[in-house]
Structure formats: structure tokens, C-alpha cells
Amino acid sequence: MEATRTAPTPAPVGIAPSPQGPSQQSIKEEIPEEVIEALAEILLESEGEESHPLPFYFLPQNERGNVDWVAAIELGVIDPMDDLDPQKQSLPPMDFDVVFKVKGDLPDVVYPHYPHTLWMDCKNCHPSIFVMRAGVNQVTMDAIAKGEFCGRCHGKVAFPLSDCNRCHSKPKPGKPFIIPRAPG
């Protein structure tokens, strides 16, 4: 069988997940043997290259081929815990945005709390990565690229830094919303 570098088609959006999630047995039965063989071949071919771990190929993907973590949660593919203590009460997701003003003509950055708090507890970021006070965090693309601030996850397991429009999404007044997509 000839392997390609495309992942299996993710589950369509809108399918209601079962309340308990799929059983281990049903997951195993749903993955065709030829898909497993093709993915194993892809992993062997890409040894030494930068690639995603095997489970990423079974998660929903966005239009750029990156894992769509929010869709994975909403479809019931994954069910992350807020804390290692299963008895600890989870907080509901917080649905508000923080806008980071950007110098120049680039659109400002909108940080949406909802997709982040859908699966992470506040203490994952506060206060060790972000101080909760406006203007205190000196966030720059250079710092992010070096793994600080948003770069703790983005560019690693969350969407890559080359997807500029995902963050730079609030145009300046009177300016068009035009950002060329970075390669990658």
C-alpha cells in the first residue's frame, strides 16, 4: 500500500458525542487496518523530520491541517481534566476576550479565553505565564517564538505561529483586514 502524507478525514462537525465517549473497543473497531498501516508507514518515512505524534492524525483538523482542539472537545473525542484530582470541581469556561494593542498597522491581537478555559484551568497561565494586570505583560512575537507567553503552547501543540490571522484579528479603525499568511 502506498502511503501519503494526508491524515484520515476527521469526524464531521455537528455529530453529537456519546455522553460516556467511545469505548476503547469501539475505537479500535472503527479504525481500518489499512489506515493504521498507512500511518505507521508515514511515521517511518518521516523519521528525523518534524511531524505530529500519531494520535494527532485521529483528531479533528482545521483547514490548515492543524489539530482543532476545541472541535475535539466539543465532539467528545477528548475530555481533558482541569486538575489531576478527579474530585476537584471544574470551573465553567470563561467567555471573554482580552485585546492586546499592536503598534503600527497590523491588526490588534484578540486573546479569546473561551477556547483556552474550555480545557485548561486558570492556573495553567496565571500568574506564572501571564500576570493578570493590563499592560504588565510585555508580549512580543520574538518572545513568543522563543517559547514565552503564547509560545508555551502555540508552535508546539496548538496552532502554529505562521497562522497570523488567528490572533491578529481586530483591524485598526479605518484599516483593511489584510495580513498575508506566513509560510508553514
Protein backbone atom coordinates (compact mmCIF):
# COMPACT_ATOMS: atom_id res chain seq x y z
CA MET A 1 0.00 0.00 0.00
CA GLU A 2 1.34 3.41 -0.93
CA ALA A 3 1.23 5.90 1.97
CA THR A 4 0.57 9.59 1.54
CA ARG A 5 1.13 12.42 3.99
CA THR A 6 -2.55 13.15 4.40
CA ALA A 7 -4.32 12.21 7.59
CA PRO A 8 -7.64 10.39 7.73
CA THR A 9 -10.66 12.62 7.34
CA PRO A 10 -11.68 13.89 10.79
CA ALA A 11 -15.16 13.32 12.13
CA PRO A 12 -17.60 15.83 10.65
CA VAL A 13 -18.54 18.76 12.86
CA GLY A 14 -22.03 18.54 14.30
CA ILE A 15 -22.04 14.86 15.31
CA ALA A 16 -23.17 14.64 18.88
CA PRO A 17 -20.70 12.76 21.08
CA SER A 18 -21.98 9.98 23.30
CA PRO A 19 -22.25 11.08 26.95
CA GLN A 20 -19.72 8.48 28.05
CA GLY A 21 -17.48 8.88 24.99
CA PRO A 22 -16.49 5.96 22.78
CA SER A 23 -15.28 2.78 24.43
CA GLN A 24 -11.75 1.53 23.81
CA GLN A 25 -13.20 -1.47 21.97
CA SER A 26 -15.38 0.65 19.64
CA ILE A 27 -12.45 2.96 18.83
CA LYS A 28 -10.28 0.01 17.89
CA GLU A 29 -13.02 -1.47 15.69
CA GLU A 30 -13.63 1.85 13.89
CA ILE A 31 -10.03 2.31 12.69
CA PRO A 32 -9.48 0.32 9.49
CA GLU A 33 -6.29 -1.75 9.45
CA GLU A 34 -5.12 -0.05 6.24
CA VAL A 35 -5.33 3.36 7.94
CA ILE A 36 -3.17 2.13 10.81
CA GLU A 37 -0.66 0.64 8.33
CA ALA A 38 -0.58 3.88 6.29
CA LEU A 39 0.03 5.99 9.39
CA ALA A 40 2.77 3.66 10.57
CA GLU A 41 4.43 3.97 7.16
CA ILE A 42 4.15 7.78 7.28
CA LEU A 43 5.81 7.81 10.69
CA LEU A 44 8.63 5.56 9.48
CA GLU A 45 9.18 7.72 6.36
CA SER A 46 9.22 10.93 8.37
CA GLU A 47 11.69 9.67 10.99
CA GLY A 48 14.01 12.55 11.78
CA GLU A 49 11.62 15.10 10.22
CA GLU A 50 9.35 17.35 12.23
CA SER A 51 5.97 15.62 12.39
CA HIS A 52 2.97 15.23 14.68
CA PRO A 53 2.64 12.30 17.07
CA LEU A 54 0.40 9.51 15.73
CA PRO A 55 -2.70 10.40 17.84
CA PHE A 56 -2.83 13.84 16.20
CA TYR A 57 -3.86 12.19 12.92
CA PHE A 58 -7.10 10.98 14.53
CA LEU A 59 -8.15 14.37 15.91
CA PRO A 60 -10.30 16.92 14.05
CA GLN A 61 -8.24 19.31 11.94
CA ASN A 62 -8.67 22.88 10.77
CA GLU A 63 -8.34 23.99 7.13
CA ARG A 64 -4.55 24.20 7.51
CA GLY A 65 -4.22 20.62 8.76
CA ASN A 66 -3.57 21.50 12.41
CA VAL A 67 -5.42 19.88 15.30
CA ASP A 68 -8.63 21.72 16.16
CA TRP A 69 -8.62 21.19 19.92
CA VAL A 70 -11.95 22.95 20.52
CA ALA A 71 -13.68 20.71 17.96
CA ALA A 72 -12.03 17.66 19.57
CA ILE A 73 -13.57 18.64 22.92
CA GLU A 74 -16.97 19.60 21.50
CA LEU A 75 -17.19 16.33 19.52
CA GLY A 76 -16.26 14.31 22.61
CA VAL A 77 -13.06 12.96 21.05
CA ILE A 78 -11.12 14.16 24.09
CA ASP A 79 -12.31 15.08 27.57
CA PRO A 80 -9.46 16.89 29.34
CA MET A 81 -9.45 17.30 33.10
CA ASP A 82 -8.89 20.67 34.77
CA ASP A 83 -6.88 19.04 37.53
CA LEU A 84 -5.20 15.74 38.37
CA ASP A 85 -7.62 15.43 41.30
CA PRO A 86 -10.80 13.92 39.78
CA GLN A 87 -12.81 15.10 42.80
CA LYS A 88 -12.00 18.76 42.21
CA GLN A 89 -14.90 20.78 40.85
CA SER A 90 -14.31 22.18 37.35
CA LEU A 91 -14.93 25.81 36.57
CA PRO A 92 -17.12 26.61 33.55
CA PRO A 93 -15.33 28.13 30.54
CA MET A 94 -14.97 31.92 30.63
CA ASP A 95 -16.28 33.60 27.52
CA PHE A 96 -14.47 36.94 27.26
CA ASP A 97 -11.63 38.35 25.17
CA VAL A 98 -8.51 40.32 26.02
CA VAL A 99 -7.24 42.68 23.32
CA PHE A 100 -3.51 43.31 23.03
CA LYS A 101 -2.86 46.60 21.21
CA VAL A 102 -0.24 46.20 18.48
CA LYS A 103 1.97 49.05 17.29
CA GLY A 104 1.76 50.03 13.63
CA ASP A 105 -0.83 48.96 11.07
CA LEU A 106 -1.08 45.27 11.97
CA PRO A 107 -4.43 44.26 13.45
CA ASP A 108 -4.56 44.04 17.23
CA VAL A 109 -4.38 40.62 18.88
CA VAL A 110 -7.55 39.18 20.35
CA TYR A 111 -6.99 36.55 23.02
CA PRO A 112 -10.19 34.50 23.46
CA HIS A 113 -10.49 32.98 26.92
CA TYR A 114 -13.27 30.57 25.91
CA PRO A 115 -11.24 28.02 23.90
CA HIS A 116 -8.43 28.15 26.45
CA THR A 117 -10.61 27.79 29.57
CA LEU A 118 -12.70 25.11 27.85
CA TRP A 119 -9.93 22.69 28.71
CA MET A 120 -7.41 24.41 30.96
CA ASP A 121 -7.61 25.74 34.47
CA CYS A 122 -6.68 29.41 35.02
CA LYS A 123 -3.56 28.46 36.98
CA ASN A 124 -2.04 26.95 33.81
CA CYS A 125 -1.30 30.51 32.68
CA HIS A 126 -1.86 32.77 35.70
CA PRO A 127 0.27 34.14 37.25
CA SER A 128 3.34 32.18 36.02
CA ILE A 129 2.99 32.97 32.28
CA PHE A 130 0.67 36.00 32.31
CA VAL A 131 0.24 38.48 35.15
CA MET A 132 -3.44 39.41 35.39
CA ARG A 133 -3.00 43.18 35.04
CA ALA A 134 -3.37 45.20 31.84
CA GLY A 135 -0.12 46.46 30.34
CA VAL A 136 2.20 44.43 32.57
CA ASN A 137 3.00 41.57 30.16
CA GLN A 138 5.49 42.71 27.52
CA VAL A 139 4.38 40.21 24.87
CA THR A 140 6.34 40.31 21.60
CA MET A 141 6.50 37.96 18.63
CA ASP A 142 10.17 37.42 19.41
CA ALA A 143 9.35 36.29 22.95
CA ILE A 144 6.53 34.06 21.68
CA ALA A 145 8.85 32.47 19.09
CA LYS A 146 11.30 31.74 21.92
CA GLY A 147 8.61 29.80 23.80
CA GLU A 148 7.47 32.52 26.18
CA PHE A 149 3.88 33.70 26.73
CA CYS A 150 1.65 32.17 23.99
CA GLY A 151 4.69 30.29 22.68
CA ARG A 152 4.46 27.88 25.61
CA CYS A 153 1.81 26.03 23.57
CA HIS A 154 1.49 27.72 20.17
CA GLY A 155 4.01 26.43 17.71
CA LYS A 156 4.19 23.20 19.72
CA VAL A 157 0.79 21.54 20.30
CA ALA A 158 -1.52 24.43 19.48
CA PHE A 159 -1.79 26.08 16.06
CA PRO A 160 1.50 27.42 14.64
CA LEU A 161 2.72 30.99 14.78
CA SER A 162 2.52 31.16 10.97
CA ASP A 163 -1.30 31.33 11.19
CA CYS A 164 -1.14 35.10 11.81
CA ASN A 165 -4.85 35.85 11.32
CA ARG A 166 -5.89 33.59 14.18
CA CYS A 167 -4.52 36.12 16.69
CA HIS A 168 -4.13 39.36 14.73
CA SER A 169 -7.87 39.55 14.15
CA LYS A 170 -9.00 43.04 15.17
CA PRO A 171 -8.22 45.61 12.45
CA LYS A 172 -7.31 49.15 13.41
CA PRO A 173 -10.13 51.67 12.80
CA GLY A 174 -10.21 52.62 9.11
CA LYS A 175 -7.67 49.95 8.10
CA PRO A 176 -8.49 46.91 5.97
CA PHE A 177 -8.09 43.44 7.48
CA ILE A 178 -5.24 42.20 5.34
CA ILE A 179 -2.43 40.04 6.69
CA PRO A 180 -0.59 37.78 4.31
CA ARG A 181 -0.35 34.23 5.61
CA ALA A 182 3.15 33.26 6.61
CA PRO A 183 4.53 30.11 5.01
CA GLY A 184 4.15 26.94 7.06
